[in-house]
Amino acid sequence: MSSKFDFKSYHVRAINAANDEEKKVINQELKDFYAGLSEEEKPAFNQELQHFLLTEMGRLGSDYQAIKSNIPQN
């Protein structure tokens, strides 16, 4: 699925945010962006956001399992 919206840039910025306040500012930017969309664009935005989040969560889960399996058990 090719994305019309650049969720990854918000995601990377939030991961690299210096503190919670910076994360809040980034979240507000995304909310403001959404508020500026037309009613016709909002369903596509929501669908693409869900797809992005599921993909990222799946990737993180895979990374976690790979790391966990490499940690020696006592």
Protein backbone atom coordinates (compact mmCIF):
# COMPACT_ATOMS: atom_id res chain seq x y z
CA MET A 1 0.00 0.00 0.00
CA SER A 2 1.57 3.28 -1.03
CA SER A 3 0.87 6.09 1.40
CA LYS A 4 -0.33 9.53 0.46
CA PHE A 5 0.52 10.74 3.97
CA ASP A 6 3.99 10.81 5.56
CA PHE A 7 3.37 9.16 8.92
CA LYS A 8 6.94 7.94 9.18
CA SER A 9 8.35 11.46 9.51
CA TYR A 10 6.07 12.15 12.50
CA HIS A 11 6.93 8.74 13.97
CA VAL A 12 10.70 9.23 13.67
CA ARG A 13 10.49 12.73 15.10
CA ALA A 14 8.46 11.47 18.07
CA ILE A 15 10.94 8.65 18.72
CA ASN A 16 13.79 11.17 18.70
CA ALA A 17 11.95 13.81 20.72
CA ALA A 18 14.00 15.17 23.59
CA ASN A 19 11.09 15.05 26.05
CA ASP A 20 7.35 14.58 26.49
CA GLU A 21 6.66 18.22 25.69
CA GLU A 22 8.30 17.87 22.28
CA LYS A 23 6.25 14.70 21.67
CA LYS A 24 3.07 16.63 22.53
CA VAL A 25 4.00 19.33 20.00
CA ILE A 26 4.54 16.68 17.30
CA ASN A 27 1.21 15.01 18.13
CA GLN A 28 -0.52 18.37 17.92
CA GLU A 29 1.02 18.98 14.49
CA LEU A 30 -0.48 15.69 13.28
CA LYS A 31 -3.87 16.57 14.82
CA ASP A 32 -3.76 19.98 13.15
CA PHE A 33 -2.86 18.36 9.83
CA TYR A 34 -5.85 16.00 10.19
CA ALA A 35 -8.16 18.89 11.07
CA GLY A 36 -7.10 20.62 7.84
CA LEU A 37 -8.05 17.66 5.66
CA SER A 38 -11.27 17.65 3.70
CA GLU A 39 -13.99 15.25 4.79
CA GLU A 40 -13.22 13.20 1.67
CA GLU A 41 -9.53 12.83 2.65
CA LYS A 42 -10.12 11.86 6.29
CA PRO A 43 -11.19 8.23 5.66
CA ALA A 44 -8.06 7.60 3.55
CA PHE A 45 -5.91 9.23 6.24
CA ASN A 46 -7.45 7.03 8.94
CA GLN A 47 -7.02 3.87 6.89
CA GLU A 48 -3.41 4.66 6.03
CA LEU A 49 -2.64 5.58 9.66
CA GLN A 50 -4.07 2.25 10.88
CA HIS A 51 -2.02 0.39 8.28
CA PHE A 52 1.13 2.28 9.28
CA LEU A 53 0.56 1.61 12.99
CA LEU A 54 -0.10 -2.10 12.45
CA THR A 55 3.00 -2.41 10.28
CA GLU A 56 5.16 -0.59 12.84
CA MET A 57 3.77 -2.63 15.75
CA GLY A 58 4.43 -5.83 13.81
CA ARG A 59 7.97 -4.74 13.06
CA LEU A 60 8.60 -3.80 16.67
CA GLY A 61 7.21 -7.14 17.83
CA SER A 62 9.53 -8.98 15.46
CA ASP A 63 12.51 -6.93 16.63
CA TYR A 64 11.60 -7.62 20.26
CA GLN A 65 11.35 -11.36 19.67
CA ALA A 66 14.69 -11.39 17.84
CA ILE A 67 16.40 -9.53 20.67
CA LYS A 68 14.70 -11.64 23.35
CA SER A 69 15.80 -14.88 21.68
CA ASN A 70 19.44 -13.68 21.75
CA ILE A 71 19.46 -12.97 25.49
CA PRO A 72 20.88 -15.90 27.47
CA GLN A 73 18.45 -17.40 29.95
CA ASN A 74 19.89 -18.07 33.42
